[in-house]
Structures are given as structure tokens and as C-alpha cells.
Amino acid sequence: QVQLVESGGGLVQAGDSLGLSCTASGRSSTIVTMGWFRQAPGKEREFVAAISWSGATHAADSAKGRFTVSRDNAKNTLYLQMNSLKLEDTAVYYCAARRGRRVTMTVDEYDYWGQGTQVTVSS
């Protein structure tokens, strides 16, 4: 089994930056692809960005140009640097991981999930 623990959420103002981290433990050697999703109140969980073992990335249109996903395989840690935050970025952000190589945006294709960390952007 794999455990994912997110950290770094909080309350920020619009235009600010915030960094999230996610550390994997347990059978983390089985993880190939990692990603970030978010879920706002009353909305479905949506893809934010993902990264393969080799560093290939894919981001949602809403994240492109503002968010950067990266990972440190030696530390089993995934990162999300968020810049120019907007009110609509407010959500619970979830770290996810999958055993497959394909960088996918589909929630159901991820095998492991963290408990989430709240990001609130105020005006």
C-alpha cells in the first residue's frame, strides 16, 4: 500500500503564490505517475497537473502558465508551485499517484490518493 500526505495549503490573497508538497510512503516504489487534482465545494474533482517518473508534465488549461508541477524521486515527493492565484483556485487539493506510465487527467485512473489540503484564495 502507498500513503500520500499533502502539506502546504492555507489562506492567501488573490495574486499571491503558494507551494504544495506531497510525500509518498509505503510501497512508493510502485508509483510511476503522480498528479494534483482539486475539488471545490459543490463541484466534481478536477485535474490540475501531473508528472511522469521521467519528468514529463501535463497541466489543465486553468493551470498553464501559473502552476508548475515537479517531483523529487529520491525524496518520493511531489510539488505544486502555484503563482498568481485566483479566487476560483479555492479548493481542496489532492495528491494522486498511479502505477501506470501514462500521464492521465482521469480521476479513476489513479490508484492512490492523499487526504487533501485546503487552499483558500481571498480577495
N, C-alpha and C. Protein backbone atom coordinates (compact mmCIF):
# COMPACT_ATOMS: atom_id res chain seq x y z
N GLN A 1 0.84 -1.20 0.00
CA GLN A 1 0.00 0.00 0.00
C GLN A 1 0.87 1.24 0.00
N VAL A 2 0.32 2.31 -0.48
CA VAL A 2 1.02 3.59 -0.57
C VAL A 2 0.23 4.65 0.19
N GLN A 3 0.92 5.45 0.96
CA GLN A 3 0.28 6.56 1.64
C GLN A 3 0.81 7.87 1.06
N LEU A 4 -0.09 8.80 0.83
CA LEU A 4 0.25 10.11 0.31
C LEU A 4 -0.20 11.16 1.32
N VAL A 5 0.70 12.05 1.66
CA VAL A 5 0.38 13.10 2.63
C VAL A 5 0.72 14.46 2.03
N GLU A 6 -0.30 15.30 1.89
CA GLU A 6 -0.11 16.64 1.36
C GLU A 6 0.19 17.63 2.47
N SER A 7 0.88 18.69 2.09
CA SER A 7 1.12 19.79 3.03
C SER A 7 1.28 21.08 2.23
N GLY A 8 1.12 22.20 2.93
CA GLY A 8 1.37 23.49 2.30
C GLY A 8 0.15 24.31 1.99
N GLY A 9 -1.04 23.79 2.22
CA GLY A 9 -2.23 24.57 1.95
C GLY A 9 -2.37 25.72 2.93
N GLY A 10 -3.31 26.61 2.64
CA GLY A 10 -3.54 27.73 3.54
C GLY A 10 -4.40 28.79 2.92
N LEU A 11 -4.44 29.92 3.59
CA LEU A 11 -5.23 31.07 3.16
C LEU A 11 -4.30 32.12 2.58
N VAL A 12 -4.54 32.51 1.34
CA VAL A 12 -3.73 33.53 0.68
C VAL A 12 -4.64 34.52 -0.02
N GLN A 13 -4.06 35.61 -0.45
CA GLN A 13 -4.82 36.61 -1.19
C GLN A 13 -4.65 36.40 -2.70
N ALA A 14 -5.61 36.89 -3.44
CA ALA A 14 -5.52 36.80 -4.89
C ALA A 14 -4.23 37.46 -5.37
N GLY A 15 -3.55 36.76 -6.28
CA GLY A 15 -2.28 37.25 -6.79
C GLY A 15 -1.07 36.68 -6.08
N ASP A 16 -1.28 36.09 -4.92
CA ASP A 16 -0.18 35.51 -4.15
C ASP A 16 0.26 34.17 -4.74
N SER A 17 1.34 33.66 -4.18
CA SER A 17 1.86 32.34 -4.55
C SER A 17 1.78 31.39 -3.37
N LEU A 18 1.71 30.12 -3.68
CA LEU A 18 1.64 29.10 -2.64
C LEU A 18 2.22 27.80 -3.20
N GLY A 19 2.96 27.08 -2.36
CA GLY A 19 3.51 25.82 -2.78
C GLY A 19 2.94 24.66 -1.99
N LEU A 20 2.61 23.60 -2.68
CA LEU A 20 2.11 22.38 -2.04
C LEU A 20 3.15 21.27 -2.21
N SER A 21 3.16 20.37 -1.24
CA SER A 21 4.03 19.20 -1.30
C SER A 21 3.21 17.96 -1.01
N CYS A 22 3.69 16.84 -1.51
CA CYS A 22 3.05 15.55 -1.25
C CYS A 22 4.14 14.51 -1.13
N THR A 23 4.19 13.87 0.01
CA THR A 23 5.21 12.86 0.24
C THR A 23 4.58 11.47 0.26
N ALA A 24 5.18 10.58 -0.47
CA ALA A 24 4.70 9.20 -0.55
C ALA A 24 5.50 8.30 0.37
N SER A 25 4.81 7.37 0.98
CA SER A 25 5.48 6.37 1.82
C SER A 25 4.84 5.02 1.58
N GLY A 26 5.39 4.01 2.21
CA GLY A 26 4.90 2.66 1.98
C GLY A 26 5.57 2.08 0.74
N ARG A 27 4.80 1.44 -0.10
CA ARG A 27 5.34 0.82 -1.31
C ARG A 27 5.46 1.87 -2.43
N SER A 28 6.15 2.95 -2.12
CA SER A 28 6.24 4.06 -3.06
C SER A 28 7.01 3.72 -4.32
N SER A 29 7.75 2.61 -4.29
CA SER A 29 8.49 2.21 -5.48
C SER A 29 7.57 1.80 -6.62
N THR A 30 6.31 1.53 -6.29
CA THR A 30 5.35 1.13 -7.33
C THR A 30 4.76 2.34 -8.06
N ILE A 31 5.02 3.51 -7.54
CA ILE A 31 4.46 4.73 -8.14
C ILE A 31 5.26 5.14 -9.37
N VAL A 32 4.55 5.43 -10.45
CA VAL A 32 5.21 5.91 -11.65
C VAL A 32 4.78 7.35 -11.96
N THR A 33 3.49 7.56 -12.00
CA THR A 33 2.95 8.87 -12.34
C THR A 33 2.29 9.49 -11.12
N MET A 34 2.48 10.78 -10.94
CA MET A 34 1.85 11.50 -9.82
C MET A 34 1.16 12.74 -10.35
N GLY A 35 0.14 13.16 -9.62
CA GLY A 35 -0.59 14.32 -10.10
C GLY A 35 -1.31 15.05 -8.98
N TRP A 36 -1.83 16.20 -9.35
CA TRP A 36 -2.64 17.02 -8.45
C TRP A 36 -4.03 17.19 -9.03
N PHE A 37 -5.01 17.06 -8.17
CA PHE A 37 -6.39 17.33 -8.50
C PHE A 37 -6.93 18.31 -7.46
N ARG A 38 -8.07 18.88 -7.75
CA ARG A 38 -8.71 19.77 -6.78
C ARG A 38 -10.21 19.62 -6.85
N GLN A 39 -10.84 19.97 -5.74
CA GLN A 39 -12.30 19.88 -5.68
C GLN A 39 -12.84 21.05 -4.89
N ALA A 40 -13.61 21.86 -5.57
CA ALA A 40 -14.27 22.99 -4.93
C ALA A 40 -15.63 22.55 -4.41
N PRO A 41 -16.18 23.27 -3.45
CA PRO A 41 -17.49 22.89 -2.90
C PRO A 41 -18.55 22.80 -3.98
N GLY A 42 -19.26 21.69 -3.99
CA GLY A 42 -20.34 21.51 -4.94
C GLY A 42 -19.91 21.15 -6.34
N LYS A 43 -18.62 20.94 -6.53
CA LYS A 43 -18.11 20.61 -7.86
C LYS A 43 -17.41 19.26 -7.85
N GLU A 44 -17.23 18.71 -9.03
CA GLU A 44 -16.52 17.45 -9.15
C GLU A 44 -15.01 17.67 -9.02
N ARG A 45 -14.34 16.62 -8.65
CA ARG A 45 -12.88 16.69 -8.58
C ARG A 45 -12.32 16.87 -10.00
N GLU A 46 -11.38 17.78 -10.13
CA GLU A 46 -10.85 18.07 -11.46
C GLU A 46 -9.34 18.01 -11.48
N PHE A 47 -8.83 17.69 -12.63
CA PHE A 47 -7.39 17.57 -12.84
C PHE A 47 -6.73 18.94 -12.81
N VAL A 48 -5.54 18.97 -12.22
CA VAL A 48 -4.75 20.21 -12.20
C VAL A 48 -3.47 20.02 -13.02
N ALA A 49 -2.67 19.04 -12.61
CA ALA A 49 -1.41 18.80 -13.31
C ALA A 49 -0.87 17.43 -12.91
N ALA A 50 -0.04 16.87 -13.78
CA ALA A 50 0.54 15.57 -13.48
C ALA A 50 1.94 15.49 -14.07
N ILE A 51 2.71 14.53 -13.56
CA ILE A 51 4.10 14.39 -14.00
C ILE A 51 4.49 12.92 -13.98
N SER A 52 5.22 12.52 -15.00
CA SER A 52 5.68 11.14 -15.09
C SER A 52 6.95 10.96 -14.29
N TRP A 53 7.39 9.72 -14.20
CA TRP A 53 8.63 9.43 -13.49
C TRP A 53 9.81 10.19 -14.10
N SER A 54 9.81 10.30 -15.41
CA SER A 54 10.92 10.95 -16.10
C SER A 54 10.81 12.46 -16.14
N GLY A 55 9.68 12.99 -15.69
CA GLY A 55 9.54 14.44 -15.62
C GLY A 55 8.64 15.06 -16.67
N ALA A 56 8.05 14.26 -17.51
CA ALA A 56 7.10 14.79 -18.50
C ALA A 56 5.85 15.27 -17.77
N THR A 57 5.39 16.46 -18.11
CA THR A 57 4.27 17.06 -17.39
C THR A 57 3.09 17.34 -18.30
N HIS A 58 1.95 17.46 -17.66
CA HIS A 58 0.73 17.87 -18.36
C HIS A 58 -0.09 18.67 -17.37
N ALA A 59 -0.64 19.79 -17.83
CA ALA A 59 -1.42 20.64 -16.94
C ALA A 59 -2.75 21.00 -17.57
N ALA A 60 -3.71 21.23 -16.72
CA ALA A 60 -5.00 21.70 -17.18
C ALA A 60 -4.84 23.12 -17.72
N ASP A 61 -5.75 23.51 -18.60
CA ASP A 61 -5.68 24.85 -19.17
C ASP A 61 -5.71 25.92 -18.08
N SER A 62 -6.47 25.66 -17.03
CA SER A 62 -6.59 26.63 -15.95
C SER A 62 -5.29 26.80 -15.17
N ALA A 63 -4.39 25.82 -15.29
CA ALA A 63 -3.13 25.85 -14.55
C ALA A 63 -1.94 26.31 -15.40
N LYS A 64 -2.08 26.18 -16.68
CA LYS A 64 -0.95 26.50 -17.57
C LYS A 64 -0.53 27.96 -17.41
N GLY A 65 0.77 28.16 -17.28
CA GLY A 65 1.31 29.50 -17.14
C GLY A 65 1.31 30.02 -15.71
N ARG A 66 0.60 29.35 -14.81
CA ARG A 66 0.55 29.79 -13.41
C ARG A 66 1.06 28.73 -12.44
N PHE A 67 0.77 27.47 -12.71
CA PHE A 67 1.13 26.38 -11.82
C PHE A 67 2.25 25.55 -12.43
N THR A 68 3.16 25.09 -11.58
CA THR A 68 4.25 24.23 -12.03
C THR A 68 4.29 22.98 -11.17
N VAL A 69 4.23 21.83 -11.81
CA VAL A 69 4.32 20.57 -11.10
C VAL A 69 5.73 20.02 -11.26
N SER A 70 6.26 19.46 -10.19
CA SER A 70 7.59 18.86 -10.23
C SER A 70 7.65 17.74 -9.20
N ARG A 71 8.72 16.98 -9.26
CA ARG A 71 8.85 15.88 -8.30
C ARG A 71 10.33 15.61 -8.04
N ASP A 72 10.58 15.09 -6.86
CA ASP A 72 11.91 14.64 -6.47
C ASP A 72 11.79 13.15 -6.18
N ASN A 73 12.19 12.33 -7.11
CA ASN A 73 12.02 10.88 -6.97
C ASN A 73 12.82 10.32 -5.80
N ALA A 74 13.96 10.91 -5.53
CA ALA A 74 14.78 10.44 -4.42
C ALA A 74 14.09 10.67 -3.08
N LYS A 75 13.28 11.69 -3.02
CA LYS A 75 12.57 12.02 -1.78
C LYS A 75 11.11 11.55 -1.80
N ASN A 76 10.72 10.90 -2.90
CA ASN A 76 9.32 10.45 -3.04
C ASN A 76 8.34 11.60 -2.81
N THR A 77 8.67 12.74 -3.34
CA THR A 77 7.87 13.94 -3.08
C THR A 77 7.46 14.62 -4.37
N LEU A 78 6.21 15.04 -4.37
CA LEU A 78 5.60 15.76 -5.48
C LEU A 78 5.35 17.19 -5.03
N TYR A 79 5.51 18.12 -5.96
CA TYR A 79 5.32 19.53 -5.63
C TYR A 79 4.35 20.18 -6.61
N LEU A 80 3.71 21.25 -6.12
CA LEU A 80 2.91 22.10 -6.99
C LEU A 80 3.16 23.54 -6.57
N GLN A 81 3.79 24.28 -7.43
CA GLN A 81 4.00 25.71 -7.18
C GLN A 81 2.91 26.47 -7.90
N MET A 82 2.15 27.23 -7.13
CA MET A 82 1.02 27.97 -7.68
C MET A 82 1.30 29.46 -7.57
N ASN A 83 1.28 30.13 -8.69
CA ASN A 83 1.51 31.57 -8.74
C ASN A 83 0.26 32.28 -9.25
N SER A 84 0.19 33.56 -9.00
CA SER A 84 -0.93 34.38 -9.49
C SER A 84 -2.27 33.73 -9.16
N LEU A 85 -2.44 33.36 -7.92
CA LEU A 85 -3.64 32.64 -7.52
C LEU A 85 -4.89 33.51 -7.69
N LYS A 86 -5.96 32.84 -8.07
CA LYS A 86 -7.25 33.50 -8.31
C LYS A 86 -8.28 32.95 -7.31
N LEU A 87 -9.37 33.71 -7.17
CA LEU A 87 -10.43 33.26 -6.27
C LEU A 87 -10.92 31.87 -6.65
N GLU A 88 -10.99 31.62 -7.95
CA GLU A 88 -11.51 30.33 -8.42
C GLU A 88 -10.55 29.16 -8.21
N ASP A 89 -9.36 29.43 -7.71
CA ASP A 89 -8.45 28.35 -7.35
C ASP A 89 -8.75 27.77 -5.97
N THR A 90 -9.67 28.39 -5.26
CA THR A 90 -10.05 27.89 -3.95
C THR A 90 -10.63 26.49 -4.07
N ALA A 91 -10.05 25.56 -3.32
CA ALA A 91 -10.48 24.17 -3.40
C ALA A 91 -9.66 23.34 -2.42
N VAL A 92 -10.07 22.11 -2.25
CA VAL A 92 -9.22 21.13 -1.59
C VAL A 92 -8.35 20.49 -2.67
N TYR A 93 -7.06 20.52 -2.46
CA TYR A 93 -6.12 19.98 -3.43
C TYR A 93 -5.66 18.59 -2.99
N TYR A 94 -5.76 17.65 -3.92
CA TYR A 94 -5.43 16.26 -3.62
C TYR A 94 -4.22 15.82 -4.43
N CYS A 95 -3.36 15.10 -3.78
CA CYS A 95 -2.24 14.44 -4.43
C CYS A 95 -2.71 13.05 -4.85
N ALA A 96 -2.29 12.61 -6.02
CA ALA A 96 -2.67 11.29 -6.51
C ALA A 96 -1.48 10.62 -7.16
N ALA A 97 -1.52 9.29 -7.18
CA ALA A 97 -0.42 8.54 -7.79
C ALA A 97 -0.98 7.29 -8.46
N ARG A 98 -0.28 6.88 -9.50
CA ARG A 98 -0.71 5.68 -10.20
C ARG A 98 0.48 4.84 -10.60
N ARG A 99 0.24 3.56 -10.80
CA ARG A 99 1.31 2.64 -11.15
C ARG A 99 1.62 2.68 -12.64
N GLY A 100 0.70 3.19 -13.43
CA GLY A 100 0.90 3.25 -14.87
C GLY A 100 1.78 4.41 -15.30
N ARG A 101 2.32 4.28 -16.52
CA ARG A 101 3.24 5.28 -17.03
C ARG A 101 2.53 6.49 -17.63
N ARG A 102 1.33 6.27 -18.10
CA ARG A 102 0.67 7.34 -18.85
C ARG A 102 0.27 8.48 -17.93
N VAL A 103 0.58 9.69 -18.36
CA VAL A 103 0.17 10.88 -17.61
C VAL A 103 -1.27 11.17 -18.00
N THR A 104 -2.17 10.89 -17.11
CA THR A 104 -3.58 10.97 -17.41
C THR A 104 -4.29 12.00 -16.54
N MET A 105 -5.38 12.55 -17.08
CA MET A 105 -6.18 13.53 -16.35
C MET A 105 -7.38 12.89 -15.67
N THR A 106 -7.54 11.59 -15.83
CA THR A 106 -8.75 10.91 -15.37
C THR A 106 -8.64 10.47 -13.92
N VAL A 107 -9.59 10.91 -13.12
CA VAL A 107 -9.58 10.60 -11.69
C VAL A 107 -9.52 9.09 -11.45
N ASP A 108 -10.32 8.34 -12.15
CA ASP A 108 -10.44 6.90 -11.89
C ASP A 108 -9.18 6.11 -12.24
N GLU A 109 -8.26 6.72 -12.95
CA GLU A 109 -7.05 6.01 -13.35
C GLU A 109 -5.92 6.14 -12.33
N TYR A 110 -6.18 6.84 -11.25
CA TYR A 110 -5.17 6.95 -10.20
C TYR A 110 -5.47 5.95 -9.09
N ASP A 111 -4.41 5.33 -8.61
CA ASP A 111 -4.56 4.24 -7.66
C ASP A 111 -4.54 4.68 -6.20
N TYR A 112 -3.86 5.76 -5.94
CA TYR A 112 -3.69 6.20 -4.55
C TYR A 112 -4.00 7.69 -4.44
N TRP A 113 -4.54 8.06 -3.27
CA TRP A 113 -4.95 9.44 -3.04
C TRP A 113 -4.55 9.89 -1.64
N GLY A 114 -4.18 11.16 -1.56
CA GLY A 114 -3.98 11.76 -0.26
C GLY A 114 -5.30 12.24 0.31
N GLN A 115 -5.26 12.78 1.51
CA GLN A 115 -6.48 13.24 2.16
C GLN A 115 -6.86 14.65 1.76
N GLY A 116 -5.95 15.35 1.13
CA GLY A 116 -6.25 16.68 0.64
C GLY A 116 -5.78 17.78 1.57
N THR A 117 -5.53 18.93 0.98
CA THR A 117 -5.15 20.12 1.75
C THR A 117 -5.92 21.31 1.20
N GLN A 118 -6.45 22.11 2.10
CA GLN A 118 -7.31 23.23 1.69
C GLN A 118 -6.47 24.41 1.22
N VAL A 119 -6.85 24.95 0.08
CA VAL A 119 -6.29 26.20 -0.42
C VAL A 119 -7.43 27.18 -0.57
N THR A 120 -7.33 28.29 0.11
CA THR A 120 -8.35 29.32 0.05
C THR A 120 -7.73 30.62 -0.42
N VAL A 121 -8.30 31.17 -1.49
CA VAL A 121 -7.81 32.42 -2.04
C VAL A 121 -8.87 33.49 -1.78
N SER A 122 -8.46 34.54 -1.11
CA SER A 122 -9.39 35.61 -0.77
C SER A 122 -9.07 36.87 -1.57
N SER A 123 -10.06 37.73 -1.67
CA SER A 123 -9.87 38.98 -2.44
C SER A 123 -9.27 40.08 -1.58
